[in-house]
PDB file of N, CA and C in Angstrom:
ATOM      1  N   MET A   1     -14.733-162.129-119.262  1.00  0.00           N
ATOM      2  CA  MET A   1     -15.704-162.998-118.594  1.00  0.00           C
ATOM      3  C   MET A   1     -14.985-164.220-118.026  1.00  0.00           C
ATOM      4  N   ASN A   2     -15.434-164.623-116.861  1.00  0.00           N
ATOM      5  CA  ASN A   2     -14.840-165.778-116.201  1.00  0.00           C
ATOM      6  C   ASN A   2     -15.782-167.004-116.288  1.00  0.00           C
ATOM      7  N   ALA A   3     -15.203-168.171-116.124  1.00  0.00           N
ATOM      8  CA  ALA A   3     -15.973-169.452-116.045  1.00  0.00           C
ATOM      9  C   ALA A   3     -15.398-170.212-114.917  1.00  0.00           C
ATOM     10  N   VAL A   4     -16.199-171.194-114.520  1.00  0.00           N
ATOM     11  CA  VAL A   4     -15.784-172.175-113.437  1.00  0.00           C
ATOM     12  C   VAL A   4     -15.785-173.539-114.023  1.00  0.00           C
ATOM     13  N   ILE A   5     -14.731-174.264-113.758  1.00  0.00           N
ATOM     14  CA  ILE A   5     -14.639-175.649-114.142  1.00  0.00           C
ATOM     15  C   ILE A   5     -14.577-176.512-112.871  1.00  0.00           C
ATOM     16  N   THR A   6     -15.465-177.426-112.689  1.00  0.00           N
ATOM     17  CA  THR A   6     -15.369-178.344-111.579  1.00  0.00           C
ATOM     18  C   THR A   6     -15.081-179.714-112.105  1.00  0.00           C
ATOM     19  N   VAL A   7     -14.164-180.477-111.319  1.00  0.00           N
ATOM     20  CA  VAL A   7     -13.751-181.766-111.799  1.00  0.00           C
ATOM     21  C   VAL A   7     -13.898-182.725-110.618  1.00  0.00           C
ATOM     22  N   THR A   8     -14.553-183.885-110.800  1.00  0.00           N
ATOM     23  CA  THR A   8     -14.616-184.958-109.702  1.00  0.00           C
ATOM     24  C   THR A   8     -14.401-186.264-110.409  1.00  0.00           C
ATOM     25  N   GLY A   9     -13.790-187.191-109.619  1.00  0.00           N
ATOM     26  CA  GLY A   9     -13.660-188.463-110.096  1.00  0.00           C
ATOM     27  C   GLY A   9     -12.590-189.270-109.269  1.00  0.00           C
ATOM     28  N   LYS A  10     -12.377-190.524-109.624  1.00  0.00           N
ATOM     29  CA  LYS A  10     -11.415-191.302-108.958  1.00  0.00           C
ATOM     30  C   LYS A  10      -9.995-190.645-109.161  1.00  0.00           C
ATOM     31  N   ASP A  11      -9.204-190.536-108.125  1.00  0.00           N
ATOM     32  CA  ASP A  11      -7.915-189.860-108.207  1.00  0.00           C
ATOM     33  C   ASP A  11      -6.998-190.756-109.089  1.00  0.00           C
ATOM     34  N   THR A  12      -6.441-190.095-110.116  1.00  0.00           N
ATOM     35  CA  THR A  12      -5.409-190.760-110.931  1.00  0.00           C
ATOM     36  C   THR A  12      -4.347-189.706-111.282  1.00  0.00           C
ATOM     37  N   VAL A  13      -3.218-190.189-111.671  1.00  0.00           N
ATOM     38  CA  VAL A  13      -2.081-189.311-112.036  1.00  0.00           C
ATOM     39  C   VAL A  13      -2.518-188.537-113.266  1.00  0.00           C
ATOM     40  N   GLY A  14      -2.247-187.150-113.276  1.00  0.00           N
ATOM     41  CA  GLY A  14      -2.310-186.329-114.406  1.00  0.00           C
ATOM     42  C   GLY A  14      -3.618-185.623-114.623  1.00  0.00           C
ATOM     43  N   ILE A  15      -4.583-185.688-113.718  1.00  0.00           N
ATOM     44  CA  ILE A  15      -5.859-185.020-113.939  1.00  0.00           C
ATOM     45  C   ILE A  15      -5.674-183.483-114.086  1.00  0.00           C
ATOM     46  N   ILE A  16      -4.915-182.852-113.243  1.00  0.00           N
ATOM     47  CA  ILE A  16      -4.690-181.383-113.308  1.00  0.00           C
ATOM     48  C   ILE A  16      -4.041-181.115-114.634  1.00  0.00           C
ATOM     49  N   ALA A  17      -3.046-181.856-114.969  1.00  0.00           N
ATOM     50  CA  ALA A  17      -2.307-181.669-116.323  1.00  0.00           C
ATOM     51  C   ALA A  17      -3.162-181.776-117.465  1.00  0.00           C
ATOM     52  N   LYS A  18      -4.064-182.745-117.526  1.00  0.00           N
ATOM     53  CA  LYS A  18      -4.967-182.903-118.594  1.00  0.00           C
ATOM     54  C   LYS A  18      -5.981-181.779-118.752  1.00  0.00           C
ATOM     55  N   VAL A  19      -6.474-181.355-117.701  1.00  0.00           N
ATOM     56  CA  VAL A  19      -7.512-180.320-117.733  1.00  0.00           C
ATOM     57  C   VAL A  19      -6.839-178.886-118.053  1.00  0.00           C
ATOM     58  N   SER A  20      -5.659-178.721-117.425  1.00  0.00           N
ATOM     59  CA  SER A  20      -4.990-177.381-117.701  1.00  0.00           C
ATOM     60  C   SER A  20      -4.409-177.383-119.079  1.00  0.00           C
ATOM     61  N   SER A  21      -4.021-178.544-119.612  1.00  0.00           N
ATOM     62  CA  SER A  21      -3.568-178.619-121.032  1.00  0.00           C
ATOM     63  C   SER A  21      -4.672-178.190-121.988  1.00  0.00           C
ATOM     64  N   GLU A  22      -5.872-178.581-121.782  1.00  0.00           N
ATOM     65  CA  GLU A  22      -6.991-178.189-122.605  1.00  0.00           C
ATOM     66  C   GLU A  22      -7.202-176.679-122.473  1.00  0.00           C
ATOM     67  N   CYS A  23      -7.119-176.182-121.244  1.00  0.00           N
ATOM     68  CA  CYS A  23      -7.161-174.702-121.101  1.00  0.00           C
ATOM     69  C   CYS A  23      -6.186-173.954-121.885  1.00  0.00           C
ATOM     70  N   PHE A  24      -4.903-174.501-121.812  1.00  0.00           N
ATOM     71  CA  PHE A  24      -3.791-173.852-122.534  1.00  0.00           C
ATOM     72  C   PHE A  24      -4.072-173.869-124.032  1.00  0.00           C
ATOM     73  N   LYS A  25      -4.487-175.044-124.483  1.00  0.00           N
ATOM     74  CA  LYS A  25      -4.708-175.221-125.958  1.00  0.00           C
ATOM     75  C   LYS A  25      -5.695-174.217-126.545  1.00  0.00           C
ATOM     76  N   TYR A  26      -6.736-173.892-125.693  1.00  0.00           N
ATOM     77  CA  TYR A  26      -7.681-173.017-126.294  1.00  0.00           C
ATOM     78  C   TYR A  26      -7.664-171.612-125.639  1.00  0.00           C
ATOM     79  N   ASN A  27      -6.535-171.288-125.018  1.00  0.00           N
ATOM     80  CA  ASN A  27      -6.281-169.976-124.469  1.00  0.00           C
ATOM     81  C   ASN A  27      -7.157-169.479-123.311  1.00  0.00           C
ATOM     82  N   ALA A  28      -7.570-170.468-122.525  1.00  0.00           N
ATOM     83  CA  ALA A  28      -8.304-170.119-121.311  1.00  0.00           C
ATOM     84  C   ALA A  28      -7.298-169.941-120.170  1.00  0.00           C
ATOM     85  N   ASN A  29      -7.308-168.678-119.614  1.00  0.00           N
ATOM     86  CA  ASN A  29      -6.287-168.415-118.565  1.00  0.00           C
ATOM     87  C   ASN A  29      -6.775-168.893-117.208  1.00  0.00           C
ATOM     88  N   ILE A  30      -6.034-169.671-116.488  1.00  0.00           N
ATOM     89  CA  ILE A  30      -6.370-170.157-115.185  1.00  0.00           C
ATOM     90  C   ILE A  30      -6.067-169.054-114.162  1.00  0.00           C
ATOM     91  N   LEU A  31      -7.139-168.562-113.433  1.00  0.00           N
ATOM     92  CA  LEU A  31      -6.986-167.488-112.548  1.00  0.00           C
ATOM     93  C   LEU A  31      -6.792-168.071-111.067  1.00  0.00           C
ATOM     94  N   ASP A  32      -7.481-169.136-110.850  1.00  0.00           N
ATOM     95  CA  ASP A  32      -7.288-169.719-109.442  1.00  0.00           C
ATOM     96  C   ASP A  32      -7.691-171.189-109.597  1.00  0.00           C
ATOM     97  N   ILE A  33      -7.064-172.028-108.750  1.00  0.00           N
ATOM     98  CA  ILE A  33      -7.292-173.432-108.671  1.00  0.00           C
ATOM     99  C   ILE A  33      -7.197-173.921-107.292  1.00  0.00           C
ATOM    100  N   THR A  34      -8.134-174.801-106.969  1.00  0.00           N
ATOM    101  CA  THR A  34      -8.087-175.553-105.706  1.00  0.00           C
ATOM    102  C   THR A  34      -8.406-177.040-105.976  1.00  0.00           C
ATOM    103  N   GLN A  35      -7.682-177.905-105.271  1.00  0.00           N
ATOM    104  CA  GLN A  35      -7.908-179.315-105.496  1.00  0.00           C
ATOM    105  C   GLN A  35      -7.703-179.996-104.151  1.00  0.00           C
ATOM    106  N   LYS A  36      -8.352-181.150-104.079  1.00  0.00           N
ATOM    107  CA  LYS A  36      -8.273-181.946-102.790  1.00  0.00           C
ATOM    108  C   LYS A  36      -8.559-183.439-103.200  1.00  0.00           C
ATOM    109  N   VAL A  37      -7.885-184.320-102.462  1.00  0.00           N
ATOM    110  CA  VAL A  37      -8.234-185.757-102.591  1.00  0.00           C
ATOM    111  C   VAL A  37      -8.807-186.200-101.289  1.00  0.00           C
ATOM    112  N   PHE A  38     -10.039-186.738-101.359  1.00  0.00           N
ATOM    113  CA  PHE A  38     -10.783-187.295-100.254  1.00  0.00           C
ATOM    114  C   PHE A  38     -10.861-188.801-100.388  1.00  0.00           C
ATOM    115  N   GLY A  39     -10.071-189.609 -99.708  1.00  0.00           N
ATOM    116  CA  GLY A  39     -10.242-191.010 -99.672  1.00  0.00           C
ATOM    117  C   GLY A  39     -10.246-191.549-101.130  1.00  0.00           C
ATOM    118  N   GLY A  40      -9.368-191.143-102.005  1.00  0.00           N
ATOM    119  CA  GLY A  40      -9.258-191.616-103.316  1.00  0.00           C
ATOM    120  C   GLY A  40     -10.105-190.901-104.362  1.00  0.00           C
ATOM    121  N   MET A  41     -10.914-189.932-103.873  1.00  0.00           N
ATOM    122  CA  MET A  41     -11.788-189.111-104.726  1.00  0.00           C
ATOM    123  C   MET A  41     -11.162-187.743-104.989  1.00  0.00           C
ATOM    124  N   PHE A  42     -10.923-187.436-106.209  1.00  0.00           N
ATOM    125  CA  PHE A  42     -10.316-186.206-106.575  1.00  0.00           C
ATOM    126  C   PHE A  42     -11.381-185.123-106.838  1.00  0.00           C
ATOM    127  N   VAL A  43     -11.125-183.965-106.295  1.00  0.00           N
ATOM    128  CA  VAL A  43     -12.111-182.825-106.454  1.00  0.00           C
ATOM    129  C   VAL A  43     -11.306-181.566-106.762  1.00  0.00           C
ATOM    130  N   MET A  44     -11.688-180.851-107.886  1.00  0.00           N
ATOM    131  CA  MET A  44     -10.969-179.680-108.271  1.00  0.00           C
ATOM    132  C   MET A  44     -11.954-178.633-108.745  1.00  0.00           C
ATOM    133  N   THR A  45     -11.672-177.361-108.377  1.00  0.00           N
ATOM    134  CA  THR A  45     -12.398-176.206-108.874  1.00  0.00           C
ATOM    135  C   THR A  45     -11.393-175.253-109.489  1.00  0.00           C
ATOM    136  N   MET A  46     -11.642-174.816-110.668  1.00  0.00           N
ATOM    137  CA  MET A  46     -10.802-173.842-111.342  1.00  0.00           C
ATOM    138  C   MET A  46     -11.629-172.605-111.825  1.00  0.00           C
ATOM    139  N   LEU A  47     -11.019-171.457-111.585  1.00  0.00           N
ATOM    140  CA  LEU A  47     -11.631-170.234-112.137  1.00  0.00           C
ATOM    141  C   LEU A  47     -10.762-169.813-113.316  1.00  0.00           C
ATOM    142  N   ILE A  48     -11.367-169.681-114.430  1.00  0.00           N
ATOM    143  CA  ILE A  48     -10.712-169.369-115.633  1.00  0.00           C
ATOM    144  C   ILE A  48     -11.200-168.052-116.302  1.00  0.00           C
ATOM    145  N   SER A  49     -10.331-167.335-117.078  1.00  0.00           N
ATOM    146  CA  SER A  49     -10.817-166.312-117.847  1.00  0.00           C
ATOM    147  C   SER A  49     -10.957-166.835-119.207  1.00  0.00           C
ATOM    148  N   VAL A  50     -12.200-166.536-119.784  1.00  0.00           N
ATOM    149  CA  VAL A  50     -12.504-167.054-121.174  1.00  0.00           C
ATOM    150  C   VAL A  50     -12.560-165.825-122.168  1.00  0.00           C
ATOM    151  N   ASP A  51     -12.050-164.740-121.796  1.00  0.00           N
ATOM    152  CA  ASP A  51     -12.043-163.503-122.664  1.00  0.00           C
ATOM    153  C   ASP A  51     -11.184-163.730-123.926  1.00  0.00           C
ATOM    154  N   GLU A  52     -10.155-164.511-123.816  1.00  0.00           N
ATOM    155  CA  GLU A  52      -9.251-164.698-124.979  1.00  0.00           C
ATOM    156  C   GLU A  52      -9.421-166.102-125.595  1.00  0.00           C
ATOM    157  N   LEU A  53     -10.430-166.848-125.311  1.00  0.00           N
ATOM    158  CA  LEU A  53     -10.617-168.140-125.966  1.00  0.00           C
ATOM    159  C   LEU A  53     -10.533-168.038-127.471  1.00  0.00           C
ATOM    160  N   ASN A  54      -9.844-169.038-128.027  1.00  0.00           N
ATOM    161  CA  ASN A  54      -9.709-169.034-129.491  1.00  0.00           C
ATOM    162  C   ASN A  54     -10.761-169.907-130.202  1.00  0.00           C
ATOM    163  N   ILE A  55     -11.735-170.300-129.429  1.00  0.00           N
ATOM    164  CA  ILE A  55     -12.896-171.054-129.938  1.00  0.00           C
ATOM    165  C   ILE A  55     -14.164-170.570-129.219  1.00  0.00           C
ATOM    166  N   ARG A  56     -15.371-170.851-129.721  1.00  0.00           N
ATOM    167  CA  ARG A  56     -16.536-170.391-128.998  1.00  0.00           C
ATOM    168  C   ARG A  56     -16.618-171.148-127.637  1.00  0.00           C
ATOM    169  N   PHE A  57     -17.143-170.514-126.673  1.00  0.00           N
ATOM    170  CA  PHE A  57     -17.326-171.051-125.272  1.00  0.00           C
ATOM    171  C   PHE A  57     -18.095-172.316-125.358  1.00  0.00           C
ATOM    172  N   ALA A  58     -19.136-172.424-126.110  1.00  0.00           N
ATOM    173  CA  ALA A  58     -19.951-173.691-126.259  1.00  0.00           C
ATOM    174  C   ALA A  58     -19.060-174.820-126.690  1.00  0.00           C
ATOM    175  N   ASP A  59     -18.137-174.559-127.670  1.00  0.00           N
ATOM    176  CA  ASP A  59     -17.295-175.593-128.212  1.00  0.00           C
ATOM    177  C   ASP A  59     -16.276-175.993-127.126  1.00  0.00           C
ATOM    178  N   PHE A  60     -15.831-175.063-126.353  1.00  0.00           N
ATOM    179  CA  PHE A  60     -14.800-175.351-125.180  1.00  0.00           C
ATOM    180  C   PHE A  60     -15.639-176.290-124.158  1.00  0.00           C
ATOM    181  N   VAL A  61     -16.798-176.016-123.875  1.00  0.00           N
ATOM    182  CA  VAL A  61     -17.589-176.857-122.941  1.00  0.00           C
ATOM    183  C   VAL A  61     -17.666-178.248-123.517  1.00  0.00           C
ATOM    184  N   ASP A  62     -17.997-178.377-124.810  1.00  0.00           N
ATOM    185  CA  ASP A  62     -18.015-179.718-125.423  1.00  0.00           C
ATOM    186  C   ASP A  62     -16.695-180.456-125.346  1.00  0.00           C
ATOM    187  N   ILE A  63     -15.574-179.694-125.461  1.00  0.00           N
ATOM    188  CA  ILE A  63     -14.301-180.364-125.444  1.00  0.00           C
ATOM    189  C   ILE A  63     -13.998-180.884-124.028  1.00  0.00           C
ATOM    190  N   MET A  64     -14.396-180.091-123.022  1.00  0.00           N
ATOM    191  CA  MET A  64     -14.246-180.486-121.616  1.00  0.00           C
ATOM    192  C   MET A  64     -15.141-181.695-121.258  1.00  0.00           C
ATOM    193  N   ASN A  65     -16.345-181.741-121.871  1.00  0.00           N
ATOM    194  CA  ASN A  65     -17.144-182.874-121.756  1.00  0.00           C
ATOM    195  C   ASN A  65     -16.599-184.131-122.321  1.00  0.00           C
ATOM    196  N   ASP A  66     -15.983-184.000-123.557  1.00  0.00           N
ATOM    197  CA  ASP A  66     -15.311-185.105-124.114  1.00  0.00           C
ATOM    198  C   ASP A  66     -14.143-185.625-123.328  1.00  0.00           C
ATOM    199  N   LEU A  67     -13.388-184.707-122.704  1.00  0.00           N
ATOM    200  CA  LEU A  67     -12.305-185.063-121.806  1.00  0.00           C
ATOM    201  C   LEU A  67     -12.820-185.864-120.617  1.00  0.00           C
ATOM    202  N   ALA A  68     -13.964-185.363-120.084  1.00  0.00           N
ATOM    203  CA  ALA A  68     -14.582-186.119-118.957  1.00  0.00           C
ATOM    204  C   ALA A  68     -14.877-187.548-119.283  1.00  0.00           C
ATOM    205  N   LYS A  69     -15.523-187.779-120.447  1.00  0.00           N
ATOM    206  CA  LYS A  69     -15.860-189.114-120.855  1.00  0.00           C
ATOM    207  C   LYS A  69     -14.610-189.958-121.060  1.00  0.00           C
ATOM    208  N   LYS A  70     -13.601-189.419-121.782  1.00  0.00           N
ATOM    209  CA  LYS A  70     -12.397-190.073-122.003  1.00  0.00           C
ATOM    210  C   LYS A  70     -11.674-190.515-120.726  1.00  0.00           C
ATOM    211  N   GLU A  71     -11.639-189.689-119.683  1.00  0.00           N
ATOM    212  CA  GLU A  71     -10.910-189.852-118.475  1.00  0.00           C
ATOM    213  C   GLU A  71     -11.812-190.443-117.375  1.00  0.00           C
ATOM    214  N   ASN A  72     -13.028-190.742-117.622  1.00  0.00           N
ATOM    215  CA  ASN A  72     -13.999-191.215-116.651  1.00  0.00           C
ATOM    216  C   ASN A  72     -14.076-190.273-115.382  1.00  0.00           C
ATOM    217  N   LEU A  73     -14.336-188.986-115.780  1.00  0.00           N
ATOM    218  CA  LEU A  73     -14.480-187.938-114.713  1.00  0.00           C
ATOM    219  C   LEU A  73     -15.788-187.256-114.908  1.00  0.00           C
ATOM    220  N   VAL A  74     -16.152-186.444-114.004  1.00  0.00           N
ATOM    221  CA  VAL A  74     -17.305-185.507-114.138  1.00  0.00           C
ATOM    222  C   VAL A  74     -16.765-184.151-114.148  1.00  0.00           C
ATOM    223  N   ILE A  75     -16.930-183.450-115.359  1.00  0.00           N
ATOM    224  CA  ILE A  75     -16.431-182.049-115.530  1.00  0.00           C
ATOM    225  C   ILE A  75     -17.640-181.179-115.881  1.00  0.00           C
ATOM    226  N   HIS A  76     -17.755-180.129-115.108  1.00  0.00           N
ATOM    227  CA  HIS A  76     -18.778-179.127-115.450  1.00  0.00           C
ATOM    228  C   HIS A  76     -18.072-177.861-115.764  1.00  0.00           C
ATOM    229  N   THR A  77     -18.420-177.229-116.845  1.00  0.00           N
ATOM    230  CA  THR A  77     -17.795-175.968-117.291  1.00  0.00           C
ATOM    231  C   THR A  77     -18.986-174.965-117.481  1.00  0.00           C
ATOM    232  N   MET A  78     -18.970-173.887-116.730  1.00  0.00           N
ATOM    233  CA  MET A  78     -20.037-172.917-116.773  1.00  0.00           C
ATOM    234  C   MET A  78     -19.598-171.518-116.581  1.00  0.00           C
ATOM    235  N   HIS A  79     -20.310-170.549-117.152  1.00  0.00           N
ATOM    236  CA  HIS A  79     -19.976-169.141-116.856  1.00  0.00           C
ATOM    237  C   HIS A  79     -20.126-168.896-115.275  1.00  0.00           C
ATOM    238  N   GLU A  80     -19.251-168.016-114.789  1.00  0.00           N
ATOM    239  CA  GLU A  80     -19.131-167.751-113.422  1.00  0.00           C
ATOM    240  C   GLU A  80     -20.522-167.294-112.900  1.00  0.00           C
ATOM    241  N   SER A  81     -21.309-166.524-113.618  1.00  0.00           N
ATOM    242  CA  SER A  81     -22.557-166.050-113.175  1.00  0.00           C
ATOM    243  C   SER A  81     -23.539-167.158-112.935  1.00  0.00           C
ATOM    244  N   ILE A  82     -23.537-168.177-113.720  1.00  0.00           N
ATOM    245  CA  ILE A  82     -24.395-169.342-113.563  1.00  0.00           C
ATOM    246  C   ILE A  82     -23.958-170.107-112.282  1.00  0.00           C
ATOM    247  N   PHE A  83     -22.644-170.281-112.161  1.00  0.00           N
ATOM    248  CA  PHE A  83     -22.123-170.914-110.920  1.00  0.00           C
ATOM    249  C   PHE A  83     -22.527-170.172-109.711  1.00  0.00           C
ATOM    250  N   ASP A  84     -22.375-168.840-109.657  1.00  0.00           N
ATOM    251  CA  ASP A  84     -22.754-168.099-108.558  1.00  0.00           C
ATOM    252  C   ASP A  84     -24.243-168.193-108.211  1.00  0.00           C
ATOM    253  N   ALA A  85     -25.107-168.102-109.303  1.00  0.00           N
ATOM    254  CA  ALA A  85     -26.521-168.302-109.104  1.00  0.00           C
ATOM    255  C   ALA A  85     -26.942-169.582-108.484  1.00  0.00           C
ATOM    256  N   MET A  86     -26.240-170.616-108.841  1.00  0.00           N
ATOM    257  CA  MET A  86     -26.513-171.955-108.335  1.00  0.00           C
ATOM    258  C   MET A  86     -26.178-172.082-106.895  1.00  0.00           C
ATOM    259  N   HIS A  87     -25.293-171.266-106.359  1.00  0.00           N
ATOM    260  CA  HIS A  87     -24.785-171.331-104.989  1.00  0.00           C
ATOM    261  C   HIS A  87     -25.250-170.215-104.137  1.00  0.00           C
ATOM    262  N   ASN A  88     -26.212-169.432-104.576  1.00  0.00           N
ATOM    263  CA  ASN A  88     -26.827-168.351-103.749  1.00  0.00           C
ATOM    264  C   ASN A  88     -28.089-168.949-103.173  1.00  0.00           C
ATOM    265  N   ILE A  89     -28.271-168.568-101.894  1.00  0.00           N
ATOM    266  CA  ILE A  89     -29.507-168.973-101.249  1.00  0.00           C
ATOM    267  C   ILE A  89     -30.486-167.757-101.158  1.00  0.00           C
TER     268      ILE A  89
END
């Protein structure tokens, strides 16, 4: 199963490294990543495989939320099907 992580916030050094380090720690495989900086605002979307997570998905979501608070970012982590449903008209 895949999940989507979106990250937004003020551009600072190391955002990609911090998010990808959490993915590595919990065995979430990054399948695709796109990022852009718009006038100092960082925006990133990652597609990850969560088939081999070494913790429950809900716990992984909580960890990403904690990272968001710590780094003053907005991070949303959701199953790919939910992301797709939110973006279908």
